[in-house]
Amino acid sequence: MGYKVIAGKDEMDMMRVKYGPRKGLEGPFNFSGRVLYYDPVEGAYYDPTTDFYVERDEMDIINNRLMEVLARA
């Protein structure tokens, strides 16, 4: 299985400058403009803008939207 970067390099660089790495978390990951980190201990995505973990059903919606964008590309 492969992957495709759908954000421009400048956009990705600015995201990393603004959201940088966080201890114990993987990322940042850009989900169609929403920046999330993955917490392997919790097994869930963390949203730094709300300071909450993303519920599994909400993450399913985000992933479905991402798959729709990839299918169109």
C-alpha atoms as a PDB file:
ATOM      1  CA  MET A   1       0.000   0.000   0.000  1.00  0.00           C
ATOM      2  CA  GLY A   2       1.273   3.470  -0.803  1.00  0.00           C
ATOM      3  CA  TYR A   3       0.374   7.011   0.054  1.00  0.00           C
ATOM      4  CA  LYS A   4      -0.045  10.308  -1.745  1.00  0.00           C
ATOM      5  CA  VAL A   5       0.788  13.730  -0.319  1.00  0.00           C
ATOM      6  CA  ILE A   6      -2.086  16.029  -1.216  1.00  0.00           C
ATOM      7  CA  ALA A   7      -0.796  19.178   0.501  1.00  0.00           C
ATOM      8  CA  GLY A   8       1.833  21.421  -1.033  1.00  0.00           C
ATOM      9  CA  LYS A   9       5.363  21.430   0.387  1.00  0.00           C
ATOM     10  CA  ASP A  10       5.006  25.020   1.648  1.00  0.00           C
ATOM     11  CA  GLU A  11       1.755  24.152   3.420  1.00  0.00           C
ATOM     12  CA  MET A  12       3.345  21.092   5.066  1.00  0.00           C
ATOM     13  CA  ASP A  13       6.399  23.085   6.181  1.00  0.00           C
ATOM     14  CA  MET A  14       4.238  25.810   7.756  1.00  0.00           C
ATOM     15  CA  MET A  15       2.172  23.180   9.553  1.00  0.00           C
ATOM     16  CA  ARG A  16       5.305  21.645  11.050  1.00  0.00           C
ATOM     17  CA  VAL A  17       6.605  25.078  12.118  1.00  0.00           C
ATOM     18  CA  LYS A  18       3.311  25.982  13.793  1.00  0.00           C
ATOM     19  CA  TYR A  19       2.558  22.583  15.323  1.00  0.00           C
ATOM     20  CA  GLY A  20       6.024  20.947  15.631  1.00  0.00           C
ATOM     21  CA  PRO A  21       6.711  17.572  17.254  1.00  0.00           C
ATOM     22  CA  ARG A  22       5.317  16.761  20.698  1.00  0.00           C
ATOM     23  CA  LYS A  23       6.848  14.344  23.153  1.00  0.00           C
ATOM     24  CA  GLY A  24       5.109  10.966  23.157  1.00  0.00           C
ATOM     25  CA  LEU A  25       2.963  11.790  20.118  1.00  0.00           C
ATOM     26  CA  GLU A  26       3.360  11.002  16.423  1.00  0.00           C
ATOM     27  CA  GLY A  27       2.780  13.725  13.883  1.00  0.00           C
ATOM     28  CA  PRO A  28       1.592  16.329  13.220  1.00  0.00           C
ATOM     29  CA  PHE A  29      -0.766  14.966  10.571  1.00  0.00           C
ATOM     30  CA  ASN A  30      -2.930  17.166   8.368  1.00  0.00           C
ATOM     31  CA  PHE A  31      -6.431  15.778   7.795  1.00  0.00           C
ATOM     32  CA  SER A  32      -7.871  18.197   5.235  1.00  0.00           C
ATOM     33  CA  GLY A  33      -6.822  21.239   7.250  1.00  0.00           C
ATOM     34  CA  ARG A  34      -7.316  19.720  10.691  1.00  0.00           C
ATOM     35  CA  VAL A  35      -4.009  19.038  12.428  1.00  0.00           C
ATOM     36  CA  LEU A  36      -3.936  15.970  14.673  1.00  0.00           C
ATOM     37  CA  TYR A  37      -1.314  13.955  16.532  1.00  0.00           C
ATOM     38  CA  TYR A  38      -1.502  10.220  17.151  1.00  0.00           C
ATOM     39  CA  ASP A  39      -1.005   9.026  20.738  1.00  0.00           C
ATOM     40  CA  PRO A  40       0.160   5.382  20.609  1.00  0.00           C
ATOM     41  CA  VAL A  41      -0.416   4.918  24.348  1.00  0.00           C
ATOM     42  CA  GLU A  42      -4.079   6.001  24.126  1.00  0.00           C
ATOM     43  CA  GLY A  43      -4.544   4.551  20.643  1.00  0.00           C
ATOM     44  CA  ALA A  44      -6.321   7.746  19.621  1.00  0.00           C
ATOM     45  CA  TYR A  45      -5.756  11.008  17.763  1.00  0.00           C
ATOM     46  CA  TYR A  46      -5.224  14.179  19.796  1.00  0.00           C
ATOM     47  CA  ASP A  47      -6.425  17.604  18.634  1.00  0.00           C
ATOM     48  CA  PRO A  48      -4.108  20.338  19.978  1.00  0.00           C
ATOM     49  CA  THR A  49      -6.598  23.115  19.189  1.00  0.00           C
ATOM     50  CA  THR A  50      -9.244  21.668  21.523  1.00  0.00           C
ATOM     51  CA  ASP A  51      -6.916  19.779  23.904  1.00  0.00           C
ATOM     52  CA  PHE A  52      -9.119  16.679  23.561  1.00  0.00           C
ATOM     53  CA  TYR A  53      -8.824  13.278  21.940  1.00  0.00           C
ATOM     54  CA  VAL A  54     -10.917  12.771  18.809  1.00  0.00           C
ATOM     55  CA  GLU A  55     -13.730  10.251  19.274  1.00  0.00           C
ATOM     56  CA  ARG A  56     -13.508   7.129  17.114  1.00  0.00           C
ATOM     57  CA  ASP A  57     -16.741   7.888  15.222  1.00  0.00           C
ATOM     58  CA  GLU A  58     -15.513  11.404  14.421  1.00  0.00           C
ATOM     59  CA  MET A  59     -12.192   9.957  13.226  1.00  0.00           C
ATOM     60  CA  ASP A  60     -14.129   7.583  10.937  1.00  0.00           C
ATOM     61  CA  ILE A  61     -15.866  10.600   9.364  1.00  0.00           C
ATOM     62  CA  ILE A  62     -12.513  12.378   8.886  1.00  0.00           C
ATOM     63  CA  ASN A  63     -10.990   9.264   7.286  1.00  0.00           C
ATOM     64  CA  ASN A  64     -13.984   8.813   4.959  1.00  0.00           C
ATOM     65  CA  ARG A  65     -13.653  12.420   3.766  1.00  0.00           C
ATOM     66  CA  LEU A  66      -9.949  11.880   3.162  1.00  0.00           C
ATOM     67  CA  MET A  67     -10.639   8.722   1.149  1.00  0.00           C
ATOM     68  CA  GLU A  68     -13.171  10.617  -0.982  1.00  0.00           C
ATOM     69  CA  VAL A  69     -10.556  13.280  -1.761  1.00  0.00           C
ATOM     70  CA  LEU A  70      -7.977  10.630  -2.666  1.00  0.00           C
ATOM     71  CA  ALA A  71     -10.455   8.786  -4.873  1.00  0.00           C
ATOM     72  CA  ARG A  72     -11.063  11.968  -6.892  1.00  0.00           C
ATOM     73  CA  ALA A  73      -7.331  12.616  -7.402  1.00  0.00           C
END
